[in-house]
Amino acid sequence: MRFIVDESTGAAVVMYLRGEGHDVLAVAEDMPQAQDDDILSRAVEENRILLTNDKDFGELAFRKGRQHRGIVLLRLGDDSADNRIRMTRLVLEQHLDQLPNHFVVVTDNGIRIRTT
C-alpha cells in the first residue's frame, strides 16, 4: 500500500511501514515543514493514505470537504514511538482493506472508520 507519513507521526512509523514492504513517502524527508494543504494534495496526486497525529486534517476533510485517498489519525494517550508503531500495526492487521478513501481515528480505546 502507498502511504504518506506526516512529520508529527515520526520516523519510527516510517521505518516500520517500509520494513513491512509499503511504499512510504515521509514528509520529514521529502517536504519538510510543508503546509497541511500541500501534504493532502500530494497524497491525492500520488494516491497515498495519510498517517498523521495532526487533527487539523480532520477539519480539512470534513469541514472544508478536501479530497483525500484515506486519512489515519492517531489520537493516542501514549504517544511514544513504540505505541504509534503498535497501533499502526493493529490498524493494518485489522482494517487494511478499509483504509482507502476513509477517515480512520485510532485511539487507546478503539478504531473508528468514517466516510467523508
Protein backbone atom coordinates (compact mmCIF):
# COMPACT_ATOMS: atom_id res chain seq x y z
CA MET A 1 0.00 0.00 0.00
CA ARG A 2 1.08 3.60 -0.55
CA PHE A 3 1.35 5.92 2.45
CA ILE A 4 2.43 9.46 3.23
CA VAL A 5 3.52 9.89 6.84
CA ASP A 6 3.24 13.34 8.41
CA GLU A 7 6.19 14.75 10.35
CA SER A 8 4.18 14.57 13.58
CA THR A 9 3.89 10.81 13.27
CA GLY A 10 7.63 10.24 13.24
CA ALA A 11 10.46 8.34 11.61
CA ALA A 12 9.83 5.16 13.58
CA VAL A 13 6.45 4.67 11.89
CA VAL A 14 8.04 5.40 8.50
CA MET A 15 10.70 2.75 9.11
CA TYR A 16 8.12 0.24 10.36
CA LEU A 17 5.93 0.67 7.27
CA ARG A 18 8.89 0.44 4.91
CA GLY A 19 10.04 -2.68 6.73
CA GLU A 20 6.62 -4.21 6.04
CA GLY A 21 7.09 -3.54 2.32
CA HIS A 22 4.84 -0.50 1.92
CA ASP A 23 5.65 2.41 -0.38
CA VAL A 24 6.12 5.30 2.08
CA LEU A 25 6.70 8.98 1.44
CA ALA A 26 7.94 10.67 4.62
CA VAL A 27 7.01 14.35 4.84
CA ALA A 28 10.09 14.96 7.02
CA GLU A 29 12.34 13.67 4.23
CA ASP A 30 10.64 14.86 1.05
CA MET A 31 8.73 18.00 2.02
CA PRO A 32 9.80 19.18 5.49
CA GLN A 33 7.61 21.79 7.17
CA ALA A 34 5.03 21.54 4.38
CA GLN A 35 1.59 23.02 4.92
CA ASP A 36 -1.28 20.60 5.59
CA ASP A 37 -3.00 21.53 2.30
CA ASP A 38 0.18 20.68 0.38
CA ILE A 39 0.56 17.35 2.17
CA LEU A 40 -3.04 16.40 1.42
CA SER A 41 -2.68 17.47 -2.21
CA ARG A 42 0.43 15.33 -2.61
CA ALA A 43 -1.37 12.37 -1.04
CA VAL A 44 -4.21 12.73 -3.55
CA GLU A 45 -1.85 13.20 -6.52
CA GLU A 46 0.14 10.09 -5.61
CA ASN A 47 -2.81 8.01 -4.34
CA ARG A 48 -1.39 7.72 -0.81
CA ILE A 49 -3.10 7.19 2.53
CA LEU A 50 -2.06 9.82 5.06
CA LEU A 51 -0.88 8.78 8.54
CA THR A 52 -0.84 11.68 10.98
CA ASN A 53 -1.19 12.82 14.59
CA ASP A 54 -2.49 16.22 13.45
CA LYS A 55 -6.25 16.60 13.91
CA ASP A 56 -6.26 19.59 11.52
CA PHE A 57 -6.57 17.04 8.71
CA GLY A 58 -9.99 16.13 10.07
CA GLU A 59 -11.09 19.71 9.60
CA LEU A 60 -9.73 19.74 6.06
CA ALA A 61 -11.58 16.53 5.20
CA PHE A 62 -14.89 17.14 6.98
CA ARG A 63 -15.42 20.88 7.28
CA LYS A 64 -13.65 22.00 4.13
CA GLY A 65 -14.53 18.94 2.07
CA ARG A 66 -10.98 18.42 0.85
CA GLN A 67 -10.43 15.37 -1.27
CA HIS A 68 -8.21 12.62 0.13
CA ARG A 69 -7.30 8.99 -0.52
CA GLY A 70 -7.62 7.99 3.12
CA ILE A 71 -6.52 9.51 6.42
CA VAL A 72 -5.43 7.62 9.54
CA LEU A 73 -5.40 9.93 12.56
CA LEU A 74 -3.51 8.64 15.60
CA ARG A 75 -5.01 10.21 18.77
CA LEU A 76 -3.14 8.28 21.43
CA GLY A 77 -2.68 8.99 25.13
CA ASP A 78 0.66 7.17 24.94
CA ASP A 79 2.29 8.97 22.04
CA SER A 80 5.56 7.05 22.25
CA ALA A 81 7.10 5.71 19.04
CA ASP A 82 6.56 2.13 20.23
CA ASN A 83 2.85 2.73 20.79
CA ARG A 84 2.42 4.52 17.46
CA ILE A 85 4.00 1.51 15.75
CA ARG A 86 1.88 -0.93 17.76
CA MET A 87 -1.34 0.86 16.87
CA THR A 88 -0.34 1.27 13.22
CA ARG A 89 0.33 -2.48 13.08
CA LEU A 90 -3.10 -3.15 14.61
CA VAL A 91 -4.84 -0.92 12.06
CA LEU A 92 -3.05 -2.63 9.18
CA GLU A 93 -3.76 -6.12 10.50
CA GLN A 94 -7.46 -5.50 11.13
CA HIS A 95 -8.53 -2.80 8.65
CA LEU A 96 -6.08 -2.59 5.74
CA ASP A 97 -8.79 -3.02 3.12
CA GLN A 98 -10.91 -0.27 4.73
CA LEU A 99 -8.25 2.46 4.73
CA PRO A 100 -8.58 3.78 1.17
CA ASN A 101 -10.93 6.77 0.97
CA HIS A 102 -11.94 6.58 4.64
CA PHE A 103 -11.13 8.66 7.69
CA VAL A 104 -9.81 6.40 10.44
CA VAL A 105 -9.39 7.59 14.02
CA VAL A 106 -7.18 5.44 16.22
CA THR A 107 -7.42 5.98 19.98
CA ASP A 108 -6.39 3.99 23.01
CA ASN A 109 -10.00 2.77 23.22
CA GLY A 110 -10.50 1.62 19.64
CA ILE A 111 -10.59 2.32 15.94
CA ARG A 112 -13.39 4.29 14.25
CA ILE A 113 -13.78 4.30 10.49
CA ARG A 114 -15.83 7.01 8.79
CA THR A 115 -16.53 8.11 5.27
CA THR A 116 -16.19 11.75 4.34
